[in-house]
Amino acid sequence: MPTVAALYHFARLPDAAARQAPLLALCRAQGLCGTLLLAPEGINGTIAGPRDGILTVLDHLRAWPGFAALTWKESAADTPPFARMKVRLKREIVTMGQPDVDPVAGVGRYVAPADWNALIAAPDVAVIDTRNDYEVQIGTFRGAVDPGTKSFRDFPAWWAANAHRFQGKRIAMFCTGGIRCEKSTNYLLSQGVPEVHHLQGGILKYLEEIPEQDSTWQGDCFVFDQRVSLTHGLAPGRHGLCHACRRPLAPEDRARPEYEEGACCHRCADEYTEADRARFRERQRQVDRLP
């Protein structure tokens, strides 16, 4: 079974371009697949493959200046969750589009999974899910606010329009693995919010550590690989993927009349042209021909 490592780390990385090719070569030499993003603010991504290979790559990354504290979240997959290995250069390792946001300078208060339930149950705490709408649709924490954002870039505008709703509240934020909260908590602090907390290690760490009978999580957690979703104990969830719009689909969604494998689902039935559908169908025919 391949080991899957989700990781990110904010640190100054002015020579990201020079590190791209050697990192890609090392990952390939270790038999890994996945995607790593490099930017002047750090690294983000998920890799999968032999555990020894992953540890070799992590040791390499921790040797970079400022990266000694890099951590990772481990899970497993029945089959390789990625088709190939990529290392890409980006302006941001998670795109918020706010040039003044700097997690290296300061973030909210980390809350361990064991302490999360008590925090979000407090009456003076507002819980905000920082993920995109299609992720929230398949699972979230009980009572969490869904901003309804299509992308992380939309979060600052949503906050500007809704900040008045949270006057006098402590804010608790969460995301899949923790990276979006590094930026969103820094942003809220810059907007004058006096007390901001975030779930350390994100939903994945919570699902790993908190027994289902004690959990306030409801549903599955969307992940950006071929597993699509995970649940308590980081076991595989019940969702597949619409390969047209890339949204997660439950078994009952795939039974709806709008669903056509590789080409359409009920969420994207009105979003593409017939030329797009023809292209999607041809792509699916190519997939079906693979051994």
Protein backbone atom coordinates (compact mmCIF):
# COMPACT_ATOMS: atom_id res chain seq x y z
CA MET A 1 0.00 0.00 0.00
CA PRO A 2 1.44 3.39 -0.94
CA THR A 3 2.10 5.82 1.89
CA VAL A 4 0.59 9.27 1.29
CA ALA A 5 2.26 12.34 2.78
CA ALA A 6 0.48 15.70 2.85
CA LEU A 7 2.82 18.54 3.73
CA TYR A 8 3.28 22.29 3.70
CA HIS A 9 5.67 24.75 5.27
CA PHE A 10 5.88 28.53 5.15
CA ALA A 11 9.44 29.84 5.03
CA ARG A 12 11.44 32.18 2.83
CA LEU A 13 12.41 30.39 -0.37
CA PRO A 14 13.99 32.96 -2.70
CA ASP A 15 15.72 30.28 -4.80
CA ALA A 16 12.62 28.17 -5.50
CA ALA A 17 13.38 27.92 -9.23
CA ALA A 18 16.86 26.54 -8.59
CA ARG A 19 15.47 23.87 -6.27
CA GLN A 20 12.76 22.64 -8.66
CA ALA A 21 14.73 20.26 -10.88
CA PRO A 22 16.82 18.61 -8.12
CA LEU A 23 13.69 18.02 -6.02
CA LEU A 24 11.82 16.49 -8.96
CA ALA A 25 14.77 14.20 -9.74
CA LEU A 26 14.97 13.05 -6.12
CA CYS A 27 11.23 12.31 -5.92
CA ARG A 28 11.34 10.30 -9.14
CA ALA A 29 14.42 8.41 -8.00
CA GLN A 30 12.53 7.42 -4.83
CA GLY A 31 9.57 6.12 -6.84
CA LEU A 32 7.17 8.83 -5.70
CA CYS A 33 4.19 10.39 -7.44
CA GLY A 34 2.16 13.49 -6.60
CA THR A 35 2.55 17.25 -6.80
CA LEU A 36 4.73 19.68 -4.88
CA LEU A 37 4.37 23.45 -5.25
CA LEU A 38 7.30 25.78 -4.64
CA ALA A 39 6.96 29.54 -4.18
CA PRO A 40 8.91 32.32 -2.48
CA GLU A 41 6.73 31.71 0.60
CA GLY A 42 7.45 27.95 0.95
CA ILE A 43 6.25 24.51 -0.14
CA ASN A 44 2.90 22.72 -0.34
CA GLY A 45 1.76 19.42 -1.76
CA THR A 46 1.07 15.71 -1.45
CA ILE A 47 3.35 12.85 -2.46
CA ALA A 48 2.80 9.10 -2.40
CA GLY A 49 4.88 5.98 -2.72
CA PRO A 50 7.27 3.89 -0.62
CA ARG A 51 7.51 5.19 2.93
CA ASP A 52 11.32 5.08 2.89
CA GLY A 53 11.29 7.23 -0.25
CA ILE A 54 9.00 9.76 1.38
CA LEU A 55 11.27 9.96 4.43
CA THR A 56 14.27 10.53 2.16
CA VAL A 57 12.51 13.46 0.46
CA LEU A 58 11.38 14.92 3.80
CA ASP A 59 14.97 14.78 5.11
CA HIS A 60 16.06 16.61 1.96
CA LEU A 61 13.44 19.33 2.47
CA ARG A 62 14.22 19.78 6.16
CA ALA A 63 17.83 20.49 5.23
CA TRP A 64 16.76 23.64 3.37
CA PRO A 65 17.34 26.86 5.38
CA GLY A 66 14.22 27.60 7.45
CA PHE A 67 12.58 24.22 6.76
CA ALA A 68 13.82 22.17 9.73
CA ALA A 69 10.37 22.29 11.38
CA LEU A 70 8.50 20.94 8.33
CA THR A 71 5.92 18.34 9.36
CA TRP A 72 3.67 15.98 7.39
CA LYS A 73 0.43 14.05 7.72
CA GLU A 74 0.52 10.38 6.83
CA SER A 75 -2.25 8.22 5.41
CA ALA A 76 -2.47 5.21 3.12
CA ALA A 77 -4.01 4.37 -0.23
CA ASP A 78 -5.05 1.05 -1.76
CA THR A 79 -3.62 2.11 -5.13
CA PRO A 80 -1.31 4.96 -6.21
CA PRO A 81 -3.39 8.14 -5.83
CA PHE A 82 -1.46 10.10 -8.48
CA ALA A 83 -0.44 9.28 -12.03
CA ARG A 84 2.97 11.00 -12.07
CA MET A 85 5.33 13.26 -10.14
CA LYS A 86 5.31 17.03 -10.65
CA VAL A 87 7.15 19.91 -8.98
CA ARG A 88 5.71 23.26 -9.99
CA LEU A 89 6.69 26.88 -9.42
CA LYS A 90 3.93 29.20 -8.18
CA ARG A 91 3.56 32.75 -6.90
CA GLU A 92 1.84 31.36 -3.79
CA ILE A 93 1.71 27.83 -2.39
CA VAL A 94 -1.97 28.44 -1.64
CA THR A 95 -3.49 31.28 -3.60
CA MET A 96 -5.24 33.99 -1.61
CA GLY A 97 -4.19 36.96 -3.74
CA GLN A 98 -3.37 39.19 -0.76
CA PRO A 99 0.25 40.36 -1.06
CA ASP A 100 0.39 41.65 2.52
CA VAL A 101 -0.61 38.32 4.07
CA ASP A 102 2.48 36.72 5.63
CA PRO A 103 2.07 33.58 7.78
CA VAL A 104 5.79 33.67 8.61
CA ALA A 105 5.13 36.94 10.49
CA GLY A 106 2.31 35.51 12.60
CA VAL A 107 -0.80 33.34 12.62
CA GLY A 108 -3.67 32.51 14.90
CA ARG A 109 -3.52 30.27 17.97
CA TYR A 110 -3.10 26.60 17.14
CA VAL A 111 -5.65 24.27 18.71
CA ALA A 112 -4.81 20.59 19.04
CA PRO A 113 -7.47 18.15 17.82
CA ALA A 114 -8.01 16.96 21.39
CA ASP A 115 -9.01 20.50 22.43
CA TRP A 116 -11.05 21.42 19.35
CA ASN A 117 -14.48 20.13 20.45
CA ALA A 118 -14.41 22.14 23.65
CA LEU A 119 -13.38 25.32 21.86
CA ILE A 120 -16.05 25.22 19.16
CA ALA A 121 -18.75 24.37 21.71
CA ALA A 122 -18.16 27.66 23.56
CA PRO A 123 -21.04 30.13 23.02
CA ASP A 124 -18.71 33.04 22.23
CA VAL A 125 -16.91 31.17 19.43
CA ALA A 126 -17.84 31.36 15.74
CA VAL A 127 -16.52 28.46 13.67
CA ILE A 128 -15.64 29.20 10.02
CA ASP A 129 -14.88 26.64 7.32
CA THR A 130 -12.27 28.21 5.02
CA ARG A 131 -12.61 25.61 2.23
CA ASN A 132 -14.44 25.92 -1.09
CA ASP A 133 -18.16 25.26 -1.41
CA TYR A 134 -17.85 21.86 -3.13
CA GLU A 135 -15.62 20.64 -0.28
CA VAL A 136 -18.02 21.83 2.41
CA GLN A 137 -20.96 20.13 0.69
CA ILE A 138 -19.71 16.64 1.52
CA GLY A 139 -18.66 17.26 5.12
CA THR A 140 -17.94 19.87 7.79
CA PHE A 141 -17.99 20.41 11.55
CA ARG A 142 -21.37 20.66 13.20
CA GLY A 143 -22.44 24.31 13.40
CA ALA A 144 -19.68 25.67 11.17
CA VAL A 145 -20.26 28.71 8.97
CA ASP A 146 -19.92 28.02 5.25
CA PRO A 147 -18.71 31.14 3.37
CA GLY A 148 -19.87 29.59 0.08
CA THR A 149 -16.66 30.56 -1.70
CA LYS A 150 -15.75 29.16 -5.11
CA SER A 151 -12.04 29.63 -4.44
CA PHE A 152 -9.78 30.75 -1.60
CA ARG A 153 -9.31 34.07 -3.41
CA ASP A 154 -12.95 34.86 -2.55
CA PHE A 155 -12.43 34.64 1.22
CA PRO A 156 -11.23 38.24 1.86
CA ALA A 157 -14.25 39.68 0.02
CA TRP A 158 -16.58 37.37 1.95
CA TRP A 159 -15.03 38.49 5.23
CA ALA A 160 -15.34 42.18 4.30
CA ALA A 161 -19.06 41.68 3.62
CA ASN A 162 -19.71 39.57 6.72
CA ALA A 163 -17.32 40.76 9.43
CA HIS A 164 -20.18 42.53 11.24
CA ARG A 165 -21.80 39.16 11.94
CA PHE A 166 -18.90 38.15 14.16
CA GLN A 167 -18.49 41.22 16.35
CA GLY A 168 -17.60 40.20 19.91
CA LYS A 169 -16.88 36.61 18.89
CA ARG A 170 -13.73 34.58 19.09
CA ILE A 171 -13.04 33.02 15.70
CA ALA A 172 -12.12 29.35 15.17
CA MET A 173 -11.12 28.36 11.63
CA PHE A 174 -10.32 25.06 9.95
CA CYS A 175 -9.38 23.59 6.56
CA THR A 176 -8.23 20.26 5.14
CA GLY A 177 -4.62 20.15 6.29
CA GLY A 178 -4.08 23.53 7.92
CA ILE A 179 -2.46 25.56 5.14
CA ARG A 180 -5.39 27.83 4.27
CA CYS A 181 -5.80 28.70 7.94
CA GLU A 182 -2.20 29.89 8.12
CA LYS A 183 -3.14 32.63 5.66
CA SER A 184 -6.73 33.25 6.73
CA THR A 185 -5.82 33.67 10.40
CA ASN A 186 -3.00 36.06 9.51
CA TYR A 187 -5.49 37.98 7.35
CA LEU A 188 -8.10 38.23 10.13
CA LEU A 189 -5.48 39.41 12.60
CA SER A 190 -4.51 42.13 10.11
CA GLN A 191 -8.19 43.13 9.96
CA GLY A 192 -8.26 43.75 13.70
CA VAL A 193 -9.89 40.52 14.91
CA PRO A 194 -8.46 40.20 18.44
CA GLU A 195 -8.64 36.42 18.95
CA VAL A 196 -8.32 33.88 16.14
CA HIS A 197 -7.79 30.13 16.54
CA HIS A 198 -7.23 27.37 13.99
CA LEU A 199 -7.27 23.58 14.06
CA GLN A 200 -3.69 22.32 14.13
CA GLY A 201 -3.11 19.80 11.36
CA GLY A 202 -6.53 20.52 9.90
CA ILE A 203 -9.42 18.13 9.41
CA LEU A 204 -7.09 15.30 8.45
CA LYS A 205 -5.31 15.37 11.80
CA TYR A 206 -8.64 15.57 13.62
CA LEU A 207 -10.02 12.55 11.75
CA GLU A 208 -6.79 10.66 12.46
CA GLU A 209 -6.76 11.34 16.21
CA ILE A 210 -10.37 11.74 17.38
CA PRO A 211 -12.50 8.57 17.67
CA GLU A 212 -15.68 8.67 15.67
CA GLN A 213 -17.85 8.38 18.78
CA ASP A 214 -16.28 11.60 20.15
CA SER A 215 -16.24 13.48 16.87
CA THR A 216 -18.22 16.56 15.87
CA TRP A 217 -17.26 16.07 12.22
CA GLN A 218 -20.15 15.21 9.90
CA GLY A 219 -19.66 13.57 6.50
CA ASP A 220 -16.45 13.03 4.52
CA CYS A 221 -13.39 15.21 3.95
CA PHE A 222 -12.54 16.01 0.34
CA VAL A 223 -8.90 15.39 -0.65
CA PHE A 224 -7.15 16.45 -3.84
CA ASP A 225 -6.14 13.04 -5.15
CA GLN A 226 -7.76 9.95 -6.62
CA ARG A 227 -9.11 8.83 -3.23
CA VAL A 228 -11.49 11.86 -3.43
CA SER A 229 -12.63 11.70 0.22
CA LEU A 230 -11.58 10.34 3.61
CA THR A 231 -13.48 9.75 6.82
CA HIS A 232 -12.69 8.88 10.46
CA GLY A 233 -9.41 7.07 10.91
CA LEU A 234 -8.45 8.40 7.46
CA ALA A 235 -10.37 5.50 5.92
CA PRO A 236 -11.56 5.93 2.30
CA GLY A 237 -14.81 7.87 2.02
CA ARG A 238 -17.80 7.17 -0.16
CA HIS A 239 -17.23 9.73 -2.89
CA GLY A 240 -16.08 9.53 -6.48
CA LEU A 241 -15.32 12.42 -8.80
CA CYS A 242 -17.07 14.02 -11.74
CA HIS A 243 -14.25 14.15 -14.28
CA ALA A 244 -15.96 17.02 -16.10
CA CYS A 245 -16.23 19.56 -13.27
CA ARG A 246 -13.95 17.85 -10.68
CA ARG A 247 -16.59 17.98 -7.96
CA PRO A 248 -17.09 15.08 -5.51
CA LEU A 249 -20.06 12.76 -6.05
CA ALA A 250 -21.75 10.43 -3.57
CA PRO A 251 -23.09 7.07 -4.83
CA GLU A 252 -26.61 8.52 -5.00
CA ASP A 253 -25.30 11.39 -7.14
CA ARG A 254 -23.90 8.92 -9.65
CA ALA A 255 -27.35 7.27 -9.81
CA ARG A 256 -29.04 10.51 -10.93
CA PRO A 257 -30.21 10.79 -14.56
CA GLU A 258 -27.91 13.76 -15.24
CA TYR A 259 -24.81 11.68 -14.53
CA GLU A 260 -22.70 10.45 -17.43
CA GLU A 261 -19.35 8.98 -16.54
CA GLY A 262 -16.52 11.32 -17.47
CA ALA A 263 -18.85 13.87 -19.07
CA CYS A 264 -21.49 15.28 -16.73
CA CYS A 265 -23.11 15.35 -13.30
CA HIS A 266 -26.12 17.13 -11.82
CA ARG A 267 -23.89 19.97 -10.57
CA CYS A 268 -22.37 20.78 -13.97
CA ALA A 269 -25.26 19.82 -16.27
CA ASP A 270 -25.72 23.46 -17.35
CA GLU A 271 -22.10 24.61 -17.16
CA TYR A 272 -20.50 23.36 -20.39
CA THR A 273 -21.10 23.56 -24.13
CA GLU A 274 -21.80 20.57 -26.33
CA ALA A 275 -18.29 20.91 -27.71
CA ASP A 276 -16.97 20.58 -24.17
CA ARG A 277 -19.13 17.48 -23.61
CA ALA A 278 -17.82 15.91 -26.80
CA ARG A 279 -14.27 16.51 -25.61
CA PHE A 280 -15.05 15.01 -22.20
CA ARG A 281 -16.63 11.93 -23.81
CA GLU A 282 -13.60 11.39 -26.03
CA ARG A 283 -11.33 11.65 -23.01
CA GLN A 284 -13.45 9.05 -21.21
CA ARG A 285 -13.27 6.73 -24.22
CA GLN A 286 -9.48 6.99 -24.07
CA VAL A 287 -9.54 6.13 -20.35
CA ASP A 288 -11.83 3.15 -20.98
CA ARG A 289 -9.34 1.76 -23.50
CA LEU A 290 -6.50 1.68 -20.96
CA PRO A 291 -5.56 -1.81 -19.72
